[in-house]
C-alpha atoms as a PDB file:
ATOM      1  CA  UNK A   1      17.488  -3.669  24.648  1.00  0.00           C
ATOM      2  CA  UNK A   2      14.717  -2.889  27.323  1.00  0.00           C
ATOM      3  CA  UNK A   3      11.796  -5.144  27.784  1.00  0.00           C
ATOM      4  CA  UNK A   4       9.395  -2.376  27.665  1.00  0.00           C
ATOM      5  CA  UNK A   5      10.697  -0.937  24.383  1.00  0.00           C
ATOM      6  CA  UNK A   6      10.620  -4.626  22.551  1.00  0.00           C
ATOM      7  CA  UNK A   7       7.191  -5.204  23.872  1.00  0.00           C
ATOM      8  CA  UNK A   8       6.115  -1.663  22.324  1.00  0.00           C
ATOM      9  CA  UNK A   9       7.723  -2.479  19.009  1.00  0.00           C
ATOM     10  CA  UNK A  10       5.864  -5.752  18.738  1.00  0.00           C
ATOM     11  CA  UNK A  11       2.494  -3.978  19.593  1.00  0.00           C
ATOM     12  CA  UNK A  12       3.244  -1.474  16.787  1.00  0.00           C
ATOM     13  CA  UNK A  13       3.980  -4.135  14.266  1.00  0.00           C
ATOM     14  CA  UNK A  14       0.674  -6.103  15.309  1.00  0.00           C
ATOM     15  CA  UNK A  15      -1.377  -2.663  15.045  1.00  0.00           C
ATOM     16  CA  UNK A  16       0.078  -2.239  11.559  1.00  0.00           C
ATOM     17  CA  UNK A  17      -0.035  -5.568  10.387  1.00  0.00           C
ATOM     18  CA  UNK A  18      -3.205  -6.061   8.246  1.00  0.00           C
ATOM     19  CA  UNK A  19      -5.617  -7.700  10.284  1.00  0.00           C
ATOM     20  CA  UNK A  20      -7.865  -8.853   7.390  1.00  0.00           C
ATOM     21  CA  UNK A  21      -6.550  -9.867   3.799  1.00  0.00           C
ATOM     22  CA  UNK A  22      -7.267  -7.246   1.315  1.00  0.00           C
ATOM     23  CA  UNK A  23      -7.331  -8.585  -2.323  1.00  0.00           C
ATOM     24  CA  UNK A  24      -5.655  -6.683  -4.996  1.00  0.00           C
ATOM     25  CA  UNK A  25      -8.944  -5.555  -6.297  1.00  0.00           C
ATOM     26  CA  UNK A  26      -9.898  -4.121  -2.888  1.00  0.00           C
ATOM     27  CA  UNK A  27      -6.578  -2.379  -2.415  1.00  0.00           C
ATOM     28  CA  UNK A  28      -6.869  -0.913  -5.962  1.00  0.00           C
ATOM     29  CA  UNK A  29     -10.305   0.434  -5.271  1.00  0.00           C
ATOM     30  CA  UNK A  30      -9.230   1.716  -1.925  1.00  0.00           C
ATOM     31  CA  UNK A  31      -6.499   3.545  -3.448  1.00  0.00           C
ATOM     32  CA  UNK A  32      -8.852   4.974  -6.137  1.00  0.00           C
ATOM     33  CA  UNK A  33     -11.497   5.958  -3.474  1.00  0.00           C
ATOM     34  CA  UNK A  34      -8.986   7.843  -1.522  1.00  0.00           C
ATOM     35  CA  UNK A  35      -6.917   9.449  -4.181  1.00  0.00           C
ATOM     36  CA  UNK A  36      -8.365  12.957  -3.609  1.00  0.00           C
ATOM     37  CA  UNK A  37      -8.651  12.864   0.112  1.00  0.00           C
ATOM     38  CA  UNK A  38      -6.024  14.741   2.311  1.00  0.00           C
ATOM     39  CA  UNK A  39      -5.460  15.410   6.006  1.00  0.00           C
ATOM     40  CA  UNK A  40      -8.493  14.614   8.271  1.00  0.00           C
ATOM     41  CA  UNK A  41     -10.518  13.558   5.296  1.00  0.00           C
ATOM     42  CA  UNK A  42      -8.193  10.647   4.783  1.00  0.00           C
ATOM     43  CA  UNK A  43      -7.696   9.875   8.323  1.00  0.00           C
ATOM     44  CA  UNK A  44     -11.370   9.444   8.772  1.00  0.00           C
ATOM     45  CA  UNK A  45     -11.803   7.401   5.676  1.00  0.00           C
ATOM     46  CA  UNK A  46      -8.785   5.181   6.913  1.00  0.00           C
ATOM     47  CA  UNK A  47     -10.442   4.594  10.164  1.00  0.00           C
ATOM     48  CA  UNK A  48     -13.767   3.839   8.595  1.00  0.00           C
ATOM     49  CA  UNK A  49     -11.981   1.042   6.415  1.00  0.00           C
ATOM     50  CA  UNK A  50     -10.294  -0.204   9.148  1.00  0.00           C
ATOM     51  CA  UNK A  51      -6.615   0.423   7.576  1.00  0.00           C
ATOM     52  CA  UNK A  52      -3.714   2.923   8.458  1.00  0.00           C
ATOM     53  CA  UNK A  53      -2.848   5.627   6.288  1.00  0.00           C
ATOM     54  CA  UNK A  54       0.907   4.038   5.800  1.00  0.00           C
ATOM     55  CA  UNK A  55      -0.686   0.933   4.540  1.00  0.00           C
ATOM     56  CA  UNK A  56      -2.735   2.660   1.743  1.00  0.00           C
ATOM     57  CA  UNK A  57       0.449   4.594   0.791  1.00  0.00           C
ATOM     58  CA  UNK A  58       2.548   1.184   0.815  1.00  0.00           C
ATOM     59  CA  UNK A  59      -0.253  -0.188  -1.604  1.00  0.00           C
ATOM     60  CA  UNK A  60      -0.253   2.867  -3.960  1.00  0.00           C
ATOM     61  CA  UNK A  61       3.880   2.606  -4.088  1.00  0.00           C
ATOM     62  CA  UNK A  62       3.439  -0.996  -4.613  1.00  0.00           C
ATOM     63  CA  UNK A  63       0.967  -0.870  -7.254  1.00  0.00           C
ATOM     64  CA  UNK A  64       2.887   2.089  -9.041  1.00  0.00           C
ATOM     65  CA  UNK A  65       6.203  -0.209  -8.732  1.00  0.00           C
ATOM     66  CA  UNK A  66       4.449  -3.098 -10.438  1.00  0.00           C
ATOM     67  CA  UNK A  67       3.293  -0.898 -13.058  1.00  0.00           C
ATOM     68  CA  UNK A  68       6.692   0.364 -13.761  1.00  0.00           C
ATOM     69  CA  UNK A  69       8.088  -2.902 -14.144  1.00  0.00           C
ATOM     70  CA  UNK A  70       5.578  -4.476 -16.384  1.00  0.00           C
ATOM     71  CA  UNK A  71       5.761  -1.293 -18.876  1.00  0.00           C
ATOM     72  CA  UNK A  72       9.571  -1.825 -18.739  1.00  0.00           C
ATOM     73  CA  UNK A  73       9.315  -5.390 -19.491  1.00  0.00           C
ATOM     74  CA  UNK A  74       6.832  -4.499 -22.371  1.00  0.00           C
ATOM     75  CA  UNK A  75       9.268  -1.870 -23.899  1.00  0.00           C
ATOM     76  CA  UNK A  76      12.283  -4.350 -23.670  1.00  0.00           C
ATOM     77  CA  UNK A  77      10.004  -7.043 -25.430  1.00  0.00           C
ATOM     78  CA  UNK A  78       9.138  -4.424 -28.047  1.00  0.00           C
ATOM     79  CA  UNK A  79      12.694  -3.176 -28.617  1.00  0.00           C
ATOM     80  CA  UNK A  80      13.588  -6.919 -29.125  1.00  0.00           C
ATOM     81  CA  UNK A  81      10.924  -7.500 -31.807  1.00  0.00           C
ATOM     82  CA  UNK A  82      11.930  -4.182 -33.687  1.00  0.00           C
ATOM     83  CA  UNK A  83      15.659  -5.219 -33.792  1.00  0.00           C
END
């Protein structure tokens, strides 16, 4: 692999990494605050908060997946109880 390409990929990874740690509560608040924003409004909001749009989407996807797993486990437990 060309050295410049490897260097470029490393720089992108550094840019996209979360430079500060966001708590679960802060991530949820960010998802809620930005939910209705689209296009340039969302881009501007992300710049103000110091995050990338793809990070926000990733947090939302993980939150939804986590909620779905919890619901699935709760339903399984309820079915076992009913049986």
